[in-house]
C-alpha atoms as a PDB file:
ATOM      1  CA  UNK A   1      16.634 -34.574  -0.152  1.00  0.00           C
ATOM      2  CA  UNK A   2      13.194 -34.867   0.680  1.00  0.00           C
ATOM      3  CA  UNK A   3      13.310 -31.721   2.800  1.00  0.00           C
ATOM      4  CA  UNK A   4      14.641 -30.053  -0.008  1.00  0.00           C
ATOM      5  CA  UNK A   5      12.112 -30.856  -2.685  1.00  0.00           C
ATOM      6  CA  UNK A   6       9.262 -29.886  -0.164  1.00  0.00           C
ATOM      7  CA  UNK A   7      10.872 -26.206   0.578  1.00  0.00           C
ATOM      8  CA  UNK A   8      10.987 -25.918  -3.727  1.00  0.00           C
ATOM      9  CA  UNK A   9       7.492 -26.684  -3.771  1.00  0.00           C
ATOM     10  CA  UNK A  10       6.726 -24.525  -0.716  1.00  0.00           C
ATOM     11  CA  UNK A  11       8.687 -21.515  -2.516  1.00  0.00           C
ATOM     12  CA  UNK A  12       6.590 -22.239  -5.899  1.00  0.00           C
ATOM     13  CA  UNK A  13       3.108 -22.457  -4.462  1.00  0.00           C
ATOM     14  CA  UNK A  14       3.957 -19.204  -3.050  1.00  0.00           C
ATOM     15  CA  UNK A  15       5.008 -17.602  -5.946  1.00  0.00           C
ATOM     16  CA  UNK A  16       2.227 -18.443  -7.683  1.00  0.00           C
ATOM     17  CA  UNK A  17       0.209 -16.945  -5.127  1.00  0.00           C
ATOM     18  CA  UNK A  18       2.330 -13.816  -5.579  1.00  0.00           C
ATOM     19  CA  UNK A  19       1.354 -13.864  -9.304  1.00  0.00           C
ATOM     20  CA  UNK A  20      -2.082 -14.634  -8.890  1.00  0.00           C
ATOM     21  CA  UNK A  21      -2.389 -11.564  -6.146  1.00  0.00           C
ATOM     22  CA  UNK A  22      -0.622  -8.905  -8.283  1.00  0.00           C
ATOM     23  CA  UNK A  23      -3.462  -9.655 -10.980  1.00  0.00           C
ATOM     24  CA  UNK A  24      -5.831  -9.266  -8.486  1.00  0.00           C
ATOM     25  CA  UNK A  25      -5.308  -5.846  -7.687  1.00  0.00           C
ATOM     26  CA  UNK A  26      -7.905  -3.707  -9.633  1.00  0.00           C
ATOM     27  CA  UNK A  27      -4.829  -1.230 -11.202  1.00  0.00           C
ATOM     28  CA  UNK A  28      -2.070  -1.129 -10.427  1.00  0.00           C
ATOM     29  CA  UNK A  29      -0.800   2.442 -13.224  1.00  0.00           C
ATOM     30  CA  UNK A  30       0.694   5.509 -11.786  1.00  0.00           C
ATOM     31  CA  UNK A  31      -0.590   8.287 -14.183  1.00  0.00           C
ATOM     32  CA  UNK A  32       2.015  10.700 -12.852  1.00  0.00           C
ATOM     33  CA  UNK A  33       4.931   8.732 -14.380  1.00  0.00           C
ATOM     34  CA  UNK A  34       3.349   7.693 -17.496  1.00  0.00           C
ATOM     35  CA  UNK A  35       5.899   5.846 -19.818  1.00  0.00           C
ATOM     36  CA  UNK A  36       7.894   5.033 -17.232  1.00  0.00           C
ATOM     37  CA  UNK A  37       5.348   3.592 -15.550  1.00  0.00           C
ATOM     38  CA  UNK A  38       4.025   1.102 -18.433  1.00  0.00           C
ATOM     39  CA  UNK A  39       8.017   0.460 -18.860  1.00  0.00           C
ATOM     40  CA  UNK A  40       8.036  -0.257 -15.213  1.00  0.00           C
ATOM     41  CA  UNK A  41       5.134  -2.357 -15.149  1.00  0.00           C
ATOM     42  CA  UNK A  42       5.902  -4.521 -18.573  1.00  0.00           C
ATOM     43  CA  UNK A  43       9.576  -5.277 -17.053  1.00  0.00           C
ATOM     44  CA  UNK A  44       7.991  -6.199 -13.530  1.00  0.00           C
ATOM     45  CA  UNK A  45       5.684  -8.965 -15.933  1.00  0.00           C
ATOM     46  CA  UNK A  46       8.881 -10.500 -17.455  1.00  0.00           C
ATOM     47  CA  UNK A  47      10.825 -10.604 -13.823  1.00  0.00           C
ATOM     48  CA  UNK A  48       8.163 -12.383 -12.115  1.00  0.00           C
ATOM     49  CA  UNK A  49       7.773 -14.840 -15.147  1.00  0.00           C
ATOM     50  CA  UNK A  50      11.764 -15.209 -14.961  1.00  0.00           C
ATOM     51  CA  UNK A  51      11.839 -15.708 -11.374  1.00  0.00           C
ATOM     52  CA  UNK A  52       8.479 -18.465 -11.820  1.00  0.00           C
ATOM     53  CA  UNK A  53      10.653 -20.521 -14.775  1.00  0.00           C
ATOM     54  CA  UNK A  54      13.831 -20.697 -12.761  1.00  0.00           C
ATOM     55  CA  UNK A  55      11.912 -21.760  -9.599  1.00  0.00           C
ATOM     56  CA  UNK A  56       9.824 -24.212 -11.578  1.00  0.00           C
ATOM     57  CA  UNK A  57      12.550 -25.884 -13.473  1.00  0.00           C
ATOM     58  CA  UNK A  58      14.027 -26.244 -10.017  1.00  0.00           C
ATOM     59  CA  UNK A  59      11.217 -28.179  -9.050  1.00  0.00           C
ATOM     60  CA  UNK A  60      10.554 -30.029 -11.896  1.00  0.00           C
ATOM     61  CA  UNK A  61      14.509 -31.155 -11.964  1.00  0.00           C
ATOM     62  CA  UNK A  62      13.986 -33.030  -9.029  1.00  0.00           C
ATOM     63  CA  UNK A  63      11.949 -35.511 -10.985  1.00  0.00           C
ATOM     64  CA  UNK A  64      13.121 -35.260 -14.736  1.00  0.00           C
ATOM     65  CA  UNK A  65      16.771 -35.707 -15.134  1.00  0.00           C
ATOM     66  CA  UNK A  66      17.072 -34.036 -19.152  1.00  0.00           C
ATOM     67  CA  UNK A  67      18.168 -30.954 -19.220  1.00  0.00           C
ATOM     68  CA  UNK A  68      16.052 -30.036 -22.463  1.00  0.00           C
ATOM     69  CA  UNK A  69      12.821 -31.822 -21.274  1.00  0.00           C
ATOM     70  CA  UNK A  70      13.113 -29.301 -17.879  1.00  0.00           C
ATOM     71  CA  UNK A  71      13.111 -26.565 -20.632  1.00  0.00           C
ATOM     72  CA  UNK A  72      10.440 -27.640 -22.426  1.00  0.00           C
ATOM     73  CA  UNK A  73       8.302 -28.530 -19.676  1.00  0.00           C
ATOM     74  CA  UNK A  74       9.263 -25.013 -17.811  1.00  0.00           C
ATOM     75  CA  UNK A  75       8.517 -23.492 -21.334  1.00  0.00           C
ATOM     76  CA  UNK A  76       4.988 -24.923 -21.537  1.00  0.00           C
ATOM     77  CA  UNK A  77       4.269 -24.400 -17.949  1.00  0.00           C
ATOM     78  CA  UNK A  78       5.193 -20.815 -17.919  1.00  0.00           C
ATOM     79  CA  UNK A  79       3.501 -19.942 -20.909  1.00  0.00           C
ATOM     80  CA  UNK A  80      -0.194 -22.160 -19.940  1.00  0.00           C
ATOM     81  CA  UNK A  81       0.488 -19.944 -16.486  1.00  0.00           C
ATOM     82  CA  UNK A  82       0.951 -16.318 -18.718  1.00  0.00           C
ATOM     83  CA  UNK A  83      -2.503 -17.454 -20.660  1.00  0.00           C
ATOM     84  CA  UNK A  84      -4.418 -18.189 -17.516  1.00  0.00           C
ATOM     85  CA  UNK A  85      -2.703 -15.374 -15.421  1.00  0.00           C
ATOM     86  CA  UNK A  86      -4.212 -12.987 -18.425  1.00  0.00           C
ATOM     87  CA  UNK A  87      -7.603 -14.758 -18.222  1.00  0.00           C
ATOM     88  CA  UNK A  88      -7.838 -14.302 -14.340  1.00  0.00           C
ATOM     89  CA  UNK A  89      -7.548 -10.330 -14.937  1.00  0.00           C
ATOM     90  CA  UNK A  90     -10.613 -10.386 -17.467  1.00  0.00           C
ATOM     91  CA  UNK A  91     -12.294 -10.987 -14.537  1.00  0.00           C
ATOM     92  CA  UNK A  92     -11.264  -8.278 -12.200  1.00  0.00           C
ATOM     93  CA  UNK A  93     -12.208  -4.498 -12.270  1.00  0.00           C
ATOM     94  CA  UNK A  94      -9.998  -2.285 -13.981  1.00  0.00           C
ATOM     95  CA  UNK A  95      -7.705  -4.775 -15.626  1.00  0.00           C
ATOM     96  CA  UNK A  96      -7.791  -6.497 -18.814  1.00  0.00           C
ATOM     97  CA  UNK A  97      -6.267  -9.557 -20.401  1.00  0.00           C
ATOM     98  CA  UNK A  98      -3.812  -8.416 -22.859  1.00  0.00           C
ATOM     99  CA  UNK A  99      -1.791 -10.910 -25.515  1.00  0.00           C
ATOM    100  CA  UNK A 100       1.230  -8.432 -25.391  1.00  0.00           C
ATOM    101  CA  UNK A 101       1.542  -9.353 -21.643  1.00  0.00           C
ATOM    102  CA  UNK A 102       0.813 -13.094 -22.687  1.00  0.00           C
ATOM    103  CA  UNK A 103       4.158 -12.541 -24.843  1.00  0.00           C
ATOM    104  CA  UNK A 104       5.948 -10.370 -22.437  1.00  0.00           C
ATOM    105  CA  UNK A 105       5.298 -13.267 -19.459  1.00  0.00           C
ATOM    106  CA  UNK A 106       6.468 -15.729 -22.123  1.00  0.00           C
ATOM    107  CA  UNK A 107       9.743 -13.964 -22.592  1.00  0.00           C
ATOM    108  CA  UNK A 108      10.561 -13.566 -18.679  1.00  0.00           C
ATOM    109  CA  UNK A 109       9.403 -17.793 -19.009  1.00  0.00           C
ATOM    110  CA  UNK A 110      12.206 -18.385 -21.948  1.00  0.00           C
ATOM    111  CA  UNK A 111      15.097 -16.301 -20.501  1.00  0.00           C
ATOM    112  CA  UNK A 112      14.343 -18.186 -16.870  1.00  0.00           C
ATOM    113  CA  UNK A 113      14.146 -21.451 -18.337  1.00  0.00           C
ATOM    114  CA  UNK A 114      17.302 -20.590 -20.607  1.00  0.00           C
ATOM    115  CA  UNK A 115      19.225 -19.560 -18.025  1.00  0.00           C
ATOM    116  CA  UNK A 116      18.252 -22.767 -15.991  1.00  0.00           C
ATOM    117  CA  UNK A 117      19.376 -24.512 -18.756  1.00  0.00           C
ATOM    118  CA  UNK A 118      22.631 -22.876 -19.742  1.00  0.00           C
ATOM    119  CA  UNK A 119      23.511 -23.072 -16.097  1.00  0.00           C
ATOM    120  CA  UNK A 120      22.657 -26.877 -15.637  1.00  0.00           C
ATOM    121  CA  UNK A 121      23.749 -27.954 -19.058  1.00  0.00           C
ATOM    122  CA  UNK A 122      27.427 -25.989 -19.022  1.00  0.00           C
ATOM    123  CA  UNK A 123      28.213 -23.711 -15.644  1.00  0.00           C
ATOM    124  CA  UNK A 124      27.045 -26.553 -13.194  1.00  0.00           C
ATOM    125  CA  UNK A 125      30.011 -28.566 -13.769  1.00  0.00           C
ATOM    126  CA  UNK A 126      32.702 -26.125 -13.371  1.00  0.00           C
ATOM    127  CA  UNK A 127      31.150 -24.636 -10.061  1.00  0.00           C
ATOM    128  CA  UNK A 128      30.838 -28.345  -8.609  1.00  0.00           C
ATOM    129  CA  UNK A 129      34.389 -28.920  -8.861  1.00  0.00           C
ATOM    130  CA  UNK A 130      35.890 -29.583  -5.185  1.00  0.00           C
END
């Protein structure tokens, strides 16, 4: 069990690093595809924070046993990391921090935490039956 915890912590740290590194690129915009570029980038934001919420929920689930507490802590952590991500982008040439991106990232966190909560609360019982 302890090895599994370490693996999930490592996955979490790597994923936090991936988000940080993606934010460090001066520009990820592809001008030639215009609106589709914007849509793709916003969906990418949401997806990376959705994944973050799933991983983080699993990691803290080893210590916190109440599903609603996991949900609350995950949402709080995810939103704080979304804010820190946008603050980081303020210092990257060619990038800006955006309140809209914080909202989009937070939506990804909410969906990811919600999926984890629903799985743990309702679906895991039926999946674990042997």
